[in-house]
Amino acid sequence: MPTDEFLDVRTVDGTSIISFRSSHILEAVTIDRIATRLKELVAEAPIGRFVIGFDQVTYLSSSALGMLISLQRRAAQRKGHLKLAGICDEIMEVFRITKLDTVFDIYKDVDAAVEAFRKNL
């Protein structure tokens, strides 16, 4: 899977691992471009297992949160599963306040999320 300006994409054991390249995901134009690319990845993936790594991210806008919710729905429609990983404490607090921590499967790091997929095979 190709790398682009905003995302690094790789596959491990049939799971697509998507990592953000920017620490701040704020601007509407950037979020739209990321959303378009993520939708393409979900549509193209032969196996619907996705881990989104937030190791580099220190700030997310509310629009970025909306994008993640939309991606979760899209993956579910295709019988896929989405896991989030490596979310910093500040962003995790936003997930807790908004109750999004109950919507998403969230793991300490990408390896833990990939391992969770392995266990469910």
Foldseek 3Di string as FASTA:
>chain_A
DDADDFWDWDDDPLEIEIEGPAQEADDPVSLVVVLVVLLVCLVPRPAQHYEYENQSHDYYDVVNVVSVVVSQVSSVVVVHAYAYECDDPVVVVVCVVVVVCVVHHYYHHPVVSVVVVVVVD
